[in-house]
Amino acid sequence: MPMFDYHCKACQADFELLVRASTVPTCPHCASTELEKCVSRIAPAGKIEAIRMSNRRLAAAQGHFNNYSPSEKARLLKGKSV
């Protein structure tokens, strides 16, 4: 699932969301669906791995583990009630 930057027209908040193609994104601050998709910034050189790991942690926190190996999934889910 791709991560997109959004700007909420209702509350003026800027945020990032992982969005499935079939999902209508909503603002996490006010729940509005009146969002504007923004052009994402280019990742700075040398920061790619840190950004990738940050995005993977965010995806895992939201329950999306498709980019993890089976051993990584097991380690991340260890101790969590599913």
C-alpha atoms as a PDB file:
ATOM      1  CA  MET A   1       0.000   0.000   0.000  1.00  0.00           C
ATOM      2  CA  PRO A   2       1.364   3.385  -0.892  1.00  0.00           C
ATOM      3  CA  MET A   3       1.820   6.201   1.580  1.00  0.00           C
ATOM      4  CA  PHE A   4       0.447   9.572   0.532  1.00  0.00           C
ATOM      5  CA  ASP A   5       0.671  13.103   1.910  1.00  0.00           C
ATOM      6  CA  TYR A   6      -2.679  14.849   2.368  1.00  0.00           C
ATOM      7  CA  HIS A   7      -3.965  18.297   3.297  1.00  0.00           C
ATOM      8  CA  CYS A   8      -7.390  18.501   4.948  1.00  0.00           C
ATOM      9  CA  LYS A   9      -9.528  21.302   3.525  1.00  0.00           C
ATOM     10  CA  ALA A  10     -11.776  21.289   6.608  1.00  0.00           C
ATOM     11  CA  CYS A  11      -9.219  21.671   9.434  1.00  0.00           C
ATOM     12  CA  GLN A  12      -6.063  22.575   7.441  1.00  0.00           C
ATOM     13  CA  ALA A  13      -4.092  19.626   8.881  1.00  0.00           C
ATOM     14  CA  ASP A  14      -1.251  18.033   6.905  1.00  0.00           C
ATOM     15  CA  PHE A  15      -0.581  14.313   7.411  1.00  0.00           C
ATOM     16  CA  GLU A  16       0.539  11.041   5.805  1.00  0.00           C
ATOM     17  CA  LEU A  17      -1.648   7.967   5.322  1.00  0.00           C
ATOM     18  CA  LEU A  18      -1.176   4.443   4.043  1.00  0.00           C
ATOM     19  CA  VAL A  19      -4.137   4.010   1.721  1.00  0.00           C
ATOM     20  CA  ARG A  20      -5.578   0.976  -0.034  1.00  0.00           C
ATOM     21  CA  ALA A  21      -6.966   1.605  -3.515  1.00  0.00           C
ATOM     22  CA  SER A  22     -10.502   0.785  -2.343  1.00  0.00           C
ATOM     23  CA  THR A  23     -10.358   2.965   0.786  1.00  0.00           C
ATOM     24  CA  VAL A  24     -11.610   6.554   0.996  1.00  0.00           C
ATOM     25  CA  PRO A  25      -9.042   8.411   3.108  1.00  0.00           C
ATOM     26  CA  THR A  26     -10.256  10.471   6.073  1.00  0.00           C
ATOM     27  CA  CYS A  27      -8.538  13.121   8.141  1.00  0.00           C
ATOM     28  CA  PRO A  28      -7.254  11.681  11.444  1.00  0.00           C
ATOM     29  CA  HIS A  29      -7.903  15.055  13.121  1.00  0.00           C
ATOM     30  CA  CYS A  30     -11.499  15.844  12.087  1.00  0.00           C
ATOM     31  CA  ALA A  31     -12.645  12.764  10.074  1.00  0.00           C
ATOM     32  CA  SER A  32     -13.363  14.874   6.983  1.00  0.00           C
ATOM     33  CA  THR A  33     -13.083  13.236   3.567  1.00  0.00           C
ATOM     34  CA  GLU A  34     -12.414  16.565   1.833  1.00  0.00           C
ATOM     35  CA  LEU A  35      -8.703  15.979   1.369  1.00  0.00           C
ATOM     36  CA  GLU A  36      -6.199  17.197  -1.153  1.00  0.00           C
ATOM     37  CA  LYS A  37      -3.454  14.755  -2.147  1.00  0.00           C
ATOM     38  CA  CYS A  38      -0.102  16.546  -2.023  1.00  0.00           C
ATOM     39  CA  VAL A  39       3.082  15.879  -3.930  1.00  0.00           C
ATOM     40  CA  SER A  40       5.494  14.068  -1.629  1.00  0.00           C
ATOM     41  CA  ARG A  41       8.990  15.323  -1.067  1.00  0.00           C
ATOM     42  CA  ILE A  42      11.934  13.427  -2.505  1.00  0.00           C
ATOM     43  CA  ALA A  43      13.773  11.318   0.063  1.00  0.00           C
ATOM     44  CA  PRO A  44      17.211  12.770   0.866  1.00  0.00           C
ATOM     45  CA  ALA A  45      20.243  10.639   0.019  1.00  0.00           C
ATOM     46  CA  GLY A  46      21.448   8.519   2.929  1.00  0.00           C
ATOM     47  CA  LYS A  47      18.081   8.608   4.689  1.00  0.00           C
ATOM     48  CA  ILE A  48      16.320   6.003   2.526  1.00  0.00           C
ATOM     49  CA  GLU A  49      16.820   3.079   4.946  1.00  0.00           C
ATOM     50  CA  ALA A  50      15.618   5.103   7.954  1.00  0.00           C
ATOM     51  CA  ILE A  51      12.566   6.299   6.038  1.00  0.00           C
ATOM     52  CA  ARG A  52      11.808   2.768   4.830  1.00  0.00           C
ATOM     53  CA  MET A  53      12.025   1.373   8.363  1.00  0.00           C
ATOM     54  CA  SER A  54       9.846   4.194   9.697  1.00  0.00           C
ATOM     55  CA  ASN A  55       7.197   3.482   7.062  1.00  0.00           C
ATOM     56  CA  ARG A  56       7.334  -0.248   7.809  1.00  0.00           C
ATOM     57  CA  ARG A  57       6.830   0.423  11.547  1.00  0.00           C
ATOM     58  CA  LEU A  58       3.868   2.681  10.748  1.00  0.00           C
ATOM     59  CA  ALA A  59       2.360   0.027   8.470  1.00  0.00           C
ATOM     60  CA  ALA A  60       2.881  -2.649  11.138  1.00  0.00           C
ATOM     61  CA  ALA A  61       1.225  -0.456  13.772  1.00  0.00           C
ATOM     62  CA  GLN A  62      -1.788  -0.232  11.468  1.00  0.00           C
ATOM     63  CA  GLY A  63      -1.790  -4.015  11.010  1.00  0.00           C
ATOM     64  CA  HIS A  64      -0.208  -4.205   7.551  1.00  0.00           C
ATOM     65  CA  PHE A  65       2.658  -6.728   7.439  1.00  0.00           C
ATOM     66  CA  ASN A  66       2.925  -7.566   3.724  1.00  0.00           C
ATOM     67  CA  ASN A  67       6.432  -6.056   3.417  1.00  0.00           C
ATOM     68  CA  TYR A  68       7.855  -8.137   6.269  1.00  0.00           C
ATOM     69  CA  SER A  69       9.462 -11.562   6.120  1.00  0.00           C
ATOM     70  CA  PRO A  70       7.828 -14.351   8.183  1.00  0.00           C
ATOM     71  CA  SER A  71      10.552 -14.065  10.839  1.00  0.00           C
ATOM     72  CA  GLU A  72      10.065 -10.294  11.107  1.00  0.00           C
ATOM     73  CA  LYS A  73       6.283 -10.731  11.395  1.00  0.00           C
ATOM     74  CA  ALA A  74       6.713 -13.263  14.193  1.00  0.00           C
ATOM     75  CA  ARG A  75       9.099 -10.971  16.077  1.00  0.00           C
ATOM     76  CA  LEU A  76       6.805  -7.942  15.726  1.00  0.00           C
ATOM     77  CA  LEU A  77       3.669  -9.835  16.719  1.00  0.00           C
ATOM     78  CA  LYS A  78       5.337 -11.550  19.686  1.00  0.00           C
ATOM     79  CA  GLY A  79       3.528 -10.516  22.832  1.00  0.00           C
ATOM     80  CA  LYS A  80       0.653  -8.797  21.016  1.00  0.00           C
ATOM     81  CA  SER A  81      -2.839 -10.197  21.292  1.00  0.00           C
ATOM     82  CA  VAL A  82      -4.207 -10.700  17.798  1.00  0.00           C
END
